[in-house]
Protein backbone atom coordinates (compact mmCIF):
# COMPACT_ATOMS: atom_id res chain seq x y z
CA MET A 1 164.94 93.02 230.49
CA VAL A 2 167.23 96.08 230.40
CA ASN A 3 166.10 99.51 229.16
CA LYS A 4 168.87 101.31 227.29
CA MET A 5 168.86 104.94 226.33
CA TYR A 6 170.60 106.05 223.14
CA LYS A 7 171.59 109.69 222.75
CA VAL A 8 171.02 111.15 219.28
CA THR A 9 172.78 114.38 218.62
CA HIS A 10 171.65 116.50 215.66
CA GLU A 11 171.37 120.10 214.79
CA LYS A 12 168.16 121.92 215.32
CA SER A 13 166.27 121.75 212.04
CA ASP A 14 165.37 124.92 210.20
CA ASN A 15 161.76 125.99 210.09
CA ARG A 16 161.22 124.63 206.66
CA GLY A 17 158.70 122.34 205.09
CA SER A 18 155.02 122.12 205.99
CA LYS A 19 152.70 120.24 208.33
CA HIS A 20 149.76 120.33 205.94
CA ASN A 21 150.18 116.72 204.64
CA GLN A 22 150.31 115.37 208.17
CA VAL A 23 147.10 117.18 209.16
CA LEU A 24 145.26 116.07 205.96
CA MET A 25 146.39 112.47 206.34
CA SER A 26 145.31 112.46 210.01
CA ILE A 27 141.88 113.68 209.04
CA VAL A 28 141.54 111.01 206.33
CA VAL A 29 142.84 108.19 208.63
CA CYS A 30 140.21 109.06 211.27
CA MET A 31 137.27 108.61 208.92
CA PRO A 32 136.32 105.23 210.44
CA ILE A 33 135.89 107.04 213.72
CA LEU A 34 133.71 109.60 211.92
CA ALA A 35 131.63 106.58 210.68
CA TYR A 36 131.48 105.30 214.31
CA GLY A 37 130.12 108.74 215.36
CA THR A 38 127.36 108.52 212.78
CA ALA A 39 126.52 105.04 213.95
CA MET A 40 126.38 106.10 217.59
CA GLY A 41 124.03 109.04 216.76
CA TRP A 42 121.96 107.26 214.10
CA ILE A 43 119.40 105.83 216.56
CA SER A 44 118.43 109.25 217.93
CA PRO A 45 116.83 110.80 214.86
CA ASN A 46 115.41 107.45 213.71
CA LYS A 47 114.06 105.95 216.94
CA ALA A 48 110.54 107.37 216.54
CA LEU A 49 110.36 106.25 212.96
CA LEU A 50 111.61 102.70 213.72
CA MET A 51 109.19 102.35 216.58
CA GLY A 52 106.20 103.93 214.78
CA ASP A 53 103.56 102.59 212.47
CA SER A 54 105.43 103.70 209.35
CA SER A 55 108.58 101.78 210.40
CA PRO A 56 110.72 100.60 207.47
CA SER A 57 110.80 97.21 209.24
CA ASN A 58 107.91 94.73 208.93
CA GLY A 59 106.48 96.34 212.07
CA PRO A 60 107.29 98.73 214.85
CA LEU A 61 110.48 97.93 216.79
CA SER A 62 110.21 97.29 220.57
CA GLU A 63 112.20 99.07 223.23
CA GLU A 64 114.16 95.83 223.70
CA ASP A 65 115.15 95.87 220.02
CA VAL A 66 116.28 99.45 220.28
CA SER A 67 118.20 98.66 223.43
CA TRP A 68 120.16 95.88 221.75
CA MET A 69 120.82 98.07 218.74
CA ALA A 70 122.33 100.69 221.08
CA SER A 71 124.48 98.29 223.10
CA ILE A 72 125.50 95.58 220.61
CA MET A 73 128.32 97.73 219.25
CA PHE A 74 130.03 97.68 222.65
CA ILE A 75 129.95 93.86 222.77
CA PHE A 76 131.79 93.31 219.47
CA ALA A 77 134.13 96.26 219.64
CA PRO A 78 136.26 94.80 222.54
CA ILE A 79 136.63 91.61 220.55
CA ALA A 80 137.84 93.55 217.51
CA VAL A 81 140.34 95.47 219.69
CA PHE A 82 142.46 92.34 220.26
CA ILE A 83 142.23 91.21 216.61
CA PHE A 84 143.20 94.61 215.20
CA GLY A 85 145.88 95.15 217.84
CA VAL A 86 147.68 91.97 216.63
CA ALA A 87 146.99 92.79 212.98
CA ALA A 88 148.40 96.38 213.26
CA ASP A 89 151.71 94.95 214.53
CA LYS A 90 151.85 91.98 212.17
CA PHE A 91 150.49 93.40 208.91
CA GLY A 92 150.87 97.16 209.32
CA ARG A 93 148.79 100.09 210.46
CA LYS A 94 147.53 100.82 206.91
CA ASN A 95 146.37 97.31 206.19
CA ALA A 96 144.63 97.05 209.56
CA LEU A 97 142.76 100.35 208.87
CA LEU A 98 141.75 99.15 205.38
CA PHE A 99 140.25 96.06 206.91
CA ALA A 100 138.41 98.15 209.59
CA SER A 101 136.48 99.91 206.82
CA VAL A 102 135.12 96.62 205.47
CA PRO A 103 132.73 95.55 208.28
CA ILE A 104 131.62 99.20 208.71
CA SER A 105 130.65 99.34 205.04
CA LEU A 106 128.88 95.99 205.23
CA GLY A 107 126.94 97.21 208.31
CA TRP A 108 125.50 100.19 206.47
CA ALA A 109 124.79 97.97 203.39
CA VAL A 110 122.86 95.56 205.54
CA LYS A 111 120.74 98.44 206.88
CA LEU A 112 119.95 99.47 203.30
CA ILE A 113 118.97 95.99 202.25
CA CYS A 114 116.86 94.95 205.19
CA ALA A 115 115.36 96.78 208.16
CA HIS A 116 114.28 93.74 210.12
CA PRO A 117 115.27 94.09 213.80
CA ILE A 118 117.64 91.16 213.68
CA ALA A 119 119.26 92.62 210.54
CA LEU A 120 119.66 96.04 212.16
CA ILE A 121 121.21 94.51 215.26
CA GLY A 122 123.55 92.46 213.19
CA ALA A 123 124.49 95.44 211.07
CA ARG A 124 125.43 97.48 214.15
CA ALA A 125 127.47 94.54 215.42
CA LEU A 126 129.46 94.71 212.19
CA ILE A 127 129.93 98.43 212.54
CA GLY A 128 130.96 98.02 216.17
CA PHE A 129 133.55 95.43 215.18
CA GLY A 130 135.15 97.69 212.54
CA SER A 131 134.95 100.80 214.83
CA GLY A 132 136.59 98.88 217.71
CA GLY A 133 139.49 98.12 215.42
CA ALA A 134 139.73 101.73 214.23
CA PHE A 135 139.92 103.01 217.84
CA VAL A 136 143.12 100.97 218.29
CA VAL A 137 144.82 101.67 214.95
CA CYS A 138 143.86 105.32 214.26
CA PRO A 139 145.71 106.71 217.27
CA LEU A 140 148.74 104.70 216.41
CA TYR A 141 148.82 105.75 212.77
CA VAL A 142 148.24 109.41 213.60
CA LYS A 143 150.88 109.48 216.26
CA GLU A 144 153.49 107.78 214.02
CA ILE A 145 153.03 110.26 211.07
CA SER A 146 152.92 113.43 213.20
CA GLU A 147 155.96 115.41 214.32
CA ASP A 148 156.21 116.40 217.94
CA SER A 149 155.02 119.95 217.52
CA ILE A 150 151.60 118.98 216.27
CA ARG A 151 151.25 115.49 217.76
CA GLY A 152 148.83 116.67 220.43
CA MET A 153 146.59 118.45 217.89
CA THR A 154 146.46 115.55 215.47
CA GLY A 155 145.83 113.18 218.30
CA THR A 156 142.65 115.02 219.19
CA PHE A 157 141.31 114.34 215.68
CA VAL A 158 140.13 110.91 216.84
CA ILE A 159 137.41 112.36 219.10
CA PHE A 160 136.87 115.38 216.91
CA SER A 161 135.94 113.02 214.09
CA GLN A 162 133.46 111.26 216.39
CA THR A 163 131.76 114.46 217.35
CA VAL A 164 131.57 115.60 213.69
CA GLY A 165 129.94 112.21 212.92
CA ASN A 166 127.36 112.84 215.65
CA LEU A 167 126.45 116.23 214.34
CA LEU A 168 126.39 115.06 210.71
CA VAL A 169 123.87 112.26 211.33
CA PHE A 170 121.66 114.47 213.49
CA ILE A 171 121.43 117.04 210.74
CA LEU A 172 120.98 114.52 207.99
CA GLY A 173 118.32 112.65 210.03
CA ASP A 174 116.40 115.85 210.49
CA LEU A 175 116.48 116.88 206.85
CA LEU A 176 116.63 113.75 204.57
CA PRO A 177 114.60 110.53 204.15
CA PHE A 178 115.65 107.35 205.92
CA HIS A 179 117.28 105.54 202.95
CA THR A 180 118.97 108.64 201.58
CA VAL A 181 120.81 109.05 204.90
CA LEU A 182 121.90 105.40 204.79
CA TRP A 183 123.43 105.88 201.31
CA ILE A 184 125.37 108.90 202.51
CA LEU A 185 126.64 107.00 205.63
CA LEU A 186 127.67 104.05 203.50
CA ALA A 187 129.74 106.36 201.30
CA ILE A 188 132.02 107.43 204.30
CA PRO A 189 133.81 104.09 204.84
CA LEU A 190 133.97 103.46 201.07
CA ILE A 191 135.64 106.77 200.50
CA HIS A 192 138.02 106.10 203.34
CA PHE A 193 138.96 102.75 201.86
CA CYS A 194 139.67 104.22 198.40
CA ILE A 195 141.77 107.10 199.69
CA LEU A 196 143.71 105.02 202.18
CA LEU A 197 144.81 102.73 199.29
CA ARG A 198 146.94 105.60 198.05
CA LEU A 199 148.33 106.70 201.41
CA PRO A 200 151.60 105.29 202.72
CA GLU A 201 152.38 103.03 205.67
CA THR A 202 153.64 104.79 208.79
CA PRO A 203 157.42 105.55 208.92
CA SER A 204 157.85 103.51 212.16
CA TYR A 205 156.34 100.40 210.61
CA LEU A 206 158.39 100.79 207.40
CA ILE A 207 161.52 100.90 209.48
CA LYS A 208 160.41 97.77 211.27
CA CYS A 209 160.13 96.13 207.83
CA GLY A 210 163.71 97.24 206.87
CA LYS A 211 162.44 99.74 204.24
CA ASN A 212 164.75 102.65 205.15
CA GLU A 213 164.76 104.25 201.73
CA GLU A 214 160.92 104.18 201.51
CA THR A 215 160.78 105.55 204.96
CA ALA A 216 162.86 108.58 203.94
CA LYS A 217 160.44 109.19 201.01
CA VAL A 218 157.34 108.94 203.18
CA LEU A 219 158.87 111.33 205.76
CA GLY A 220 159.70 113.70 202.97
CA LEU A 221 156.07 113.60 201.87
CA LEU A 222 154.81 114.11 205.41
CA ARG A 223 157.20 116.97 206.22
CA SER A 224 157.01 118.49 202.69
CA LEU A 225 160.81 118.25 202.30
CA PRO A 226 163.13 116.47 199.89
CA HIS A 227 163.77 112.94 201.11
CA THR A 228 167.49 113.74 200.96
CA ASP A 229 167.21 116.58 203.48
CA LYS A 230 169.41 116.27 206.56
CA SER A 231 166.42 116.57 208.97
CA ILE A 232 164.80 113.61 207.21
CA SER A 233 168.04 111.60 207.54
CA ASP A 234 168.20 112.40 211.20
CA GLU A 235 164.66 111.31 211.77
CA VAL A 236 165.26 108.06 209.93
CA ASP A 237 168.29 107.45 212.19
CA ARG A 238 166.27 108.00 215.29
CA LEU A 239 163.60 105.54 214.12
CA ILE A 240 166.30 102.98 213.33
CA ILE A 241 167.87 103.33 216.75
CA GLU A 242 164.45 103.08 218.46
CA GLN A 243 163.76 99.83 216.75
CA THR A 244 167.28 98.30 216.64
CA THR A 245 166.06 95.37 218.81
CA CYS A 246 162.43 96.24 219.26
CA GLU A 247 160.16 93.83 217.39
CA PRO A 248 156.60 95.14 217.88
CA LYS A 249 154.10 92.39 218.83
CA PHE A 250 151.17 91.87 221.12
CA SER A 251 152.93 90.85 224.33
CA PRO A 252 151.36 91.74 227.71
CA LYS A 253 154.12 89.66 229.27
CA LEU A 254 156.70 92.05 227.90
CA LEU A 255 154.72 95.03 229.29
CA PHE A 256 154.35 93.51 232.74
CA ALA A 257 158.00 92.64 232.93
CA ASP A 258 159.06 96.27 232.77
CA LYS A 259 158.17 97.97 236.07
CA THR A 260 158.37 101.52 234.77
CA ALA A 261 156.36 100.72 231.62
CA LEU A 262 153.82 98.88 233.80
CA LYS A 263 153.49 101.97 236.03
CA ALA A 264 152.94 104.01 232.86
CA PHE A 265 150.27 101.48 231.77
CA TRP A 266 148.36 101.91 235.06
CA VAL A 267 148.54 105.72 234.65
CA ALA A 268 147.19 105.58 231.08
CA LEU A 269 144.51 103.08 232.06
CA ILE A 270 143.24 105.09 234.94
CA VAL A 271 143.14 108.27 232.88
CA ASN A 272 141.19 106.43 230.16
CA LEU A 273 138.77 104.81 232.65
CA THR A 274 138.05 108.21 234.17
CA ARG A 275 137.02 109.30 230.62
CA GLU A 276 134.43 106.47 230.77
CA PHE A 277 133.23 107.01 234.34
CA CYS A 278 133.04 110.77 234.18
CA GLY A 279 129.40 110.27 233.28
CA CYS A 280 129.30 112.35 230.12
CA ILE A 281 128.09 109.36 228.03
CA ALA A 282 125.21 108.91 230.57
CA VAL A 283 124.55 112.65 230.34
CA LEU A 284 124.14 112.37 226.58
CA VAL A 285 121.83 109.40 226.95
CA TYR A 286 119.68 111.28 229.53
CA ALA A 287 119.77 114.59 227.60
CA SER A 288 116.22 114.39 226.25
CA HIS A 289 114.75 113.96 229.72
CA ILE A 290 116.81 116.83 231.11
CA PHE A 291 115.62 119.15 228.36
CA ALA A 292 111.98 117.93 228.85
CA GLU A 293 112.12 118.57 232.62
CA ALA A 294 113.70 121.98 232.06
CA GLY A 295 111.04 122.86 229.54
CA LYS A 296 108.33 122.33 232.25
CA ASP A 297 109.80 125.23 234.30
CA PRO A 298 107.79 128.47 233.60
CA ASN A 299 110.99 130.50 233.90
CA THR A 300 112.46 129.02 230.67
CA SER A 301 111.25 129.40 227.12
CA LEU A 302 113.38 126.62 225.69
CA ALA A 303 111.25 124.45 223.42
CA LEU A 304 113.19 122.19 221.13
CA SER A 305 112.26 118.92 219.44
CA PRO A 306 114.28 115.93 220.57
CA ASN A 307 116.41 115.97 217.35
CA LYS A 308 117.05 119.74 217.67
CA GLN A 309 118.25 119.01 221.28
CA SER A 310 120.63 116.43 219.87
CA ILE A 311 121.92 118.92 217.26
CA LEU A 312 122.51 121.52 219.95
CA LEU A 313 124.58 119.07 222.04
CA ALA A 314 126.51 117.99 218.96
CA VAL A 315 127.34 121.61 218.19
CA VAL A 316 128.60 122.08 221.76
CA GLN A 317 130.73 118.97 221.30
CA ILE A 318 132.18 120.34 218.07
CA PHE A 319 133.16 123.59 219.77
CA GLY A 320 134.75 121.63 222.63
CA SER A 321 136.70 119.43 220.21
CA PHE A 322 137.88 122.46 218.27
CA MET A 323 139.06 124.06 221.48
CA ALA A 324 141.04 120.85 222.28
CA CYS A 325 142.73 121.03 218.82
CA GLN A 326 143.77 124.63 219.44
CA LEU A 327 144.99 124.32 223.04
CA VAL A 328 146.51 120.86 223.46
CA ASP A 329 149.93 121.74 222.01
CA ARG A 330 150.02 125.20 223.58
CA VAL A 331 149.12 124.51 227.25
CA GLY A 332 150.03 120.85 227.40
CA ARG A 333 148.01 117.64 228.03
CA LYS A 334 148.05 117.67 231.82
CA PRO A 335 146.79 121.21 232.51
CA LEU A 336 144.07 121.01 229.89
CA LEU A 337 142.84 117.63 231.10
CA ALA A 338 142.89 118.83 234.74
CA VAL A 339 140.93 121.98 233.93
CA THR A 340 138.25 120.17 231.81
CA SER A 341 137.97 117.38 234.45
CA ALA A 342 137.34 120.04 237.18
CA THR A 343 134.83 121.79 234.88
CA ALA A 344 132.91 118.59 234.22
CA GLY A 345 132.93 117.75 237.92
CA VAL A 346 131.41 121.12 238.95
CA SER A 347 128.75 120.97 236.16
CA LEU A 348 127.73 117.38 237.14
CA CYS A 349 127.49 118.43 240.77
CA ALA A 350 125.18 121.30 239.79
CA LEU A 351 123.18 118.81 237.62
CA GLY A 352 122.80 116.45 240.53
CA GLY A 353 121.78 119.37 242.79
CA TRP A 354 119.05 120.38 240.33
CA PHE A 355 117.64 116.79 240.29
CA TYR A 356 117.63 116.75 244.06
CA ALA A 357 115.92 120.09 244.42
CA ARG A 358 113.57 119.73 241.50
CA GLY A 359 112.39 123.24 241.85
CA ALA A 360 115.39 125.21 240.77
CA ALA A 361 115.52 127.46 237.68
CA GLY A 362 114.97 125.75 234.35
CA TRP A 363 118.12 127.21 232.81
CA LEU A 364 120.35 125.44 235.37
CA PRO A 365 120.26 121.87 234.00
CA ILE A 366 120.60 123.13 230.43
CA ALA A 367 123.64 125.19 231.33
CA ALA A 368 125.16 122.38 233.33
CA LEU A 369 124.48 119.81 230.60
CA CYS A 370 126.11 121.96 227.90
CA THR A 371 129.11 122.81 230.14
CA CYS A 372 129.62 119.14 230.93
CA ILE A 373 129.45 118.14 227.27
CA PHE A 374 131.85 120.94 226.29
CA ALA A 375 134.39 119.99 228.95
CA ASP A 376 134.15 116.31 227.89
CA ALA A 377 134.87 117.18 224.20
CA ALA A 378 137.56 119.75 225.07
CA GLY A 379 139.70 117.42 227.19
CA LEU A 380 138.27 114.34 228.92
CA GLN A 381 137.57 112.47 225.69
CA PRO A 382 140.51 113.26 223.30
CA LEU A 383 143.44 113.70 225.72
CA PRO A 384 143.62 110.16 227.17
CA PHE A 385 144.20 108.90 223.58
CA VAL A 386 147.12 111.38 223.17
CA ILE A 387 148.67 110.48 226.55
CA MET A 388 148.27 106.76 225.82
CA THR A 389 150.32 106.88 222.63
CA GLU A 390 153.03 109.18 224.02
CA MET A 391 153.90 107.16 227.07
CA PHE A 392 155.22 104.02 225.42
CA SER A 393 157.80 102.99 222.89
CA PHE A 394 156.95 101.63 219.43
CA GLN A 395 157.40 98.08 220.68
CA LEU A 396 154.74 98.38 223.41
CA ARG A 397 152.42 100.98 221.86
CA GLY A 398 150.17 98.44 220.08
CA THR A 399 149.88 96.15 223.16
CA VAL A 400 148.98 99.02 225.46
CA ALA A 401 146.39 100.52 223.00
CA THR A 402 144.78 97.09 222.62
CA LEU A 403 144.45 96.37 226.36
CA ILE A 404 143.22 99.90 227.25
CA MET A 405 140.70 100.11 224.47
CA ALA A 406 139.28 96.61 225.17
CA ILE A 407 138.75 97.56 228.88
CA SER A 408 137.32 100.96 227.97
CA LEU A 409 134.83 99.62 225.42
CA GLY A 410 133.77 96.88 227.80
CA THR A 411 133.24 99.55 230.45
CA ASP A 412 131.09 101.55 228.08
CA PHE A 413 128.77 98.54 227.60
CA ALA A 414 128.51 97.99 231.38
CA LEU A 415 127.89 101.72 232.05
CA LEU A 416 125.02 101.93 229.59
CA LYS A 417 123.39 98.74 230.86
CA LEU A 418 123.77 99.68 234.56
CA PHE A 419 122.86 103.38 234.29
CA ALA A 420 119.12 102.98 234.42
CA PRO A 421 119.05 100.37 237.35
CA LEU A 422 121.48 102.59 239.29
CA ASN A 423 119.14 105.61 238.91
CA SER A 424 116.20 103.57 240.10
CA TRP A 425 118.14 102.44 243.13
CA ILE A 426 119.82 105.64 244.42
CA GLY A 427 118.22 108.29 242.30
CA TYR A 428 119.55 110.57 239.47
CA HIS A 429 121.00 113.11 241.88
CA SER A 430 123.16 110.56 243.60
CA THR A 431 124.29 109.16 240.29
CA PHE A 432 125.40 112.44 238.99
CA TRP A 433 127.16 113.23 242.30
CA ILE A 434 129.11 110.06 241.95
CA PHE A 435 130.15 111.09 238.50
CA SER A 436 131.12 114.50 239.85
CA PHE A 437 133.25 113.01 242.56
CA ILE A 438 135.15 110.87 239.95
CA CYS A 439 135.87 113.95 237.87
CA LEU A 440 137.04 115.99 240.86
CA ALA A 441 139.15 113.11 242.19
CA ASN A 442 140.71 112.82 238.76
CA VAL A 443 142.02 116.39 239.10
CA PHE A 444 144.17 115.45 242.11
CA TYR A 445 145.31 112.20 240.45
CA LEU A 446 146.41 114.25 237.37
CA ILE A 447 148.28 116.75 239.44
CA PHE A 448 150.27 114.30 241.68
CA CYS A 449 150.54 111.09 239.55
CA VAL A 450 150.37 111.89 235.83
CA PRO A 451 153.48 113.27 234.04
CA GLU A 452 153.25 115.84 231.26
CA THR A 453 154.00 114.21 227.83
CA LYS A 454 154.06 117.27 225.59
CA MET A 455 157.31 117.44 223.57
CA ARG A 456 159.09 115.05 225.93
CA SER A 457 161.12 111.93 225.47
CA LEU A 458 160.28 108.61 227.10
CA GLU A 459 163.32 109.01 229.38
CA ASP A 460 161.92 112.33 230.71
CA ILE A 461 158.41 110.90 231.22
CA TYR A 462 159.67 107.72 232.95
CA ALA A 463 161.97 109.79 235.12
CA ASP A 464 158.90 111.63 236.40
CA LEU A 465 157.10 108.37 237.03
CA GLU A 466 160.09 107.14 239.03
CA GLY A 467 160.42 110.37 240.93
CA LYS A 468 163.75 111.28 239.37
CA LYS A 469 164.95 114.61 238.04
CA ARG A 470 166.71 115.08 234.77
CA LYS A 471 169.85 117.21 235.07
CA LYS A 472 169.88 118.34 231.48
CA LYS A 473 167.61 117.97 228.45
CA GLU A 474 168.81 115.57 225.82
CA ASN A 475 167.41 113.99 222.65
CA VAL A 476 167.00 110.28 223.56
CA VAL A 477 165.23 107.37 222.15
CA GLU A 478 164.43 104.33 224.24
CA THR A 479 164.74 100.71 223.19
CA ASN A 480 163.98 97.61 225.15
CA HIS A 481 166.58 94.88 225.06
CA VAL A 482 165.64 91.44 226.08
């Protein structure tokens, strides 16, 4: 396989049009991830009710039932990743996203109809299946409708939507009855489905289907410009050149045959796995115990209910996600990811130190916990998605997203299942120190091995990976010729 670079010369476009439509569409497209966030947080405010005497089930749920409810989503999500990865390339990003909302809606509907433990576990399996597909398709759709200047910001909407979902369900669970919350959560995927019916397919996929005129109209809508504008014509030309011989399909063989693309794949995979192994998910799971232990210290007056604790952490996540939206296109992906990884590493080290000492000030674990969650939301969670979509051509983007998300979601399941046994074996302090080491090691990996992707062509990014220097900056588009 030979990689060819085509130079596209065009005048610098005037600062006309608007980015509002791109931002609004990106928000709507990420609603299934919002639904995933609500599903992930739903257990926390409802666990006491489900396991109590007034449980909406026939009887109180056991710890085993709750454990399966929490983990079942991560079993079905990796399966969905492969199905939706193929569907996104074969039937389009829009149709794949429409289908993702169906099992999510069915999952919430099942919870409304029946609260039996098996029904609740099955419902969360359906939600996990739809959410797994959404995690593949949403980053692709958002990337392909966004222009370069805001691509980083819109890419962070994926994780921002998840954190908003967490906060939403914590607040609703604290204020409203059980079934009222379920009706509201059911409305989210249904609203997404109805709105998405009226939204267009991505320009890249329309070009792949040979619909050049429709592509120009969609780009005009996205950029708030007439579809006859010269900048729109230039963008259509670039998309046509990119896909002249690039038929997108799920093909790991094609990925592994290209040495540079394979190297980019390993970089993207390691960055994404670091997101999973940084320990922030485990910190969230263990948050209630940390708050409880801190509350025992006479030097701290913090006294919050478990759900109020969850709301506090969700608010911290929202601030972190908002920070990511504001900074990612200003400072770049690599510096922001390195800083947040270092911050998370230091906070996890302090958290492990507190568990080791057990007599330190009560404010220390709370501060370390909030700092870790903030750093996670501000960089470690959203930026790997952005980097993953920016390092590959349209042809390979779906394949890479499918493989990386399948591995990442499978890792989530293993991490949640192994966290408790690992703590029993080596202690909480050692566990958090391991997480800290991973975060700090990631800083050096980012500095020496990961190229910056902000506002750069594939040729520039791949030149960095191969250790080459570009002599001058050109507008290029890469296509893969077999």
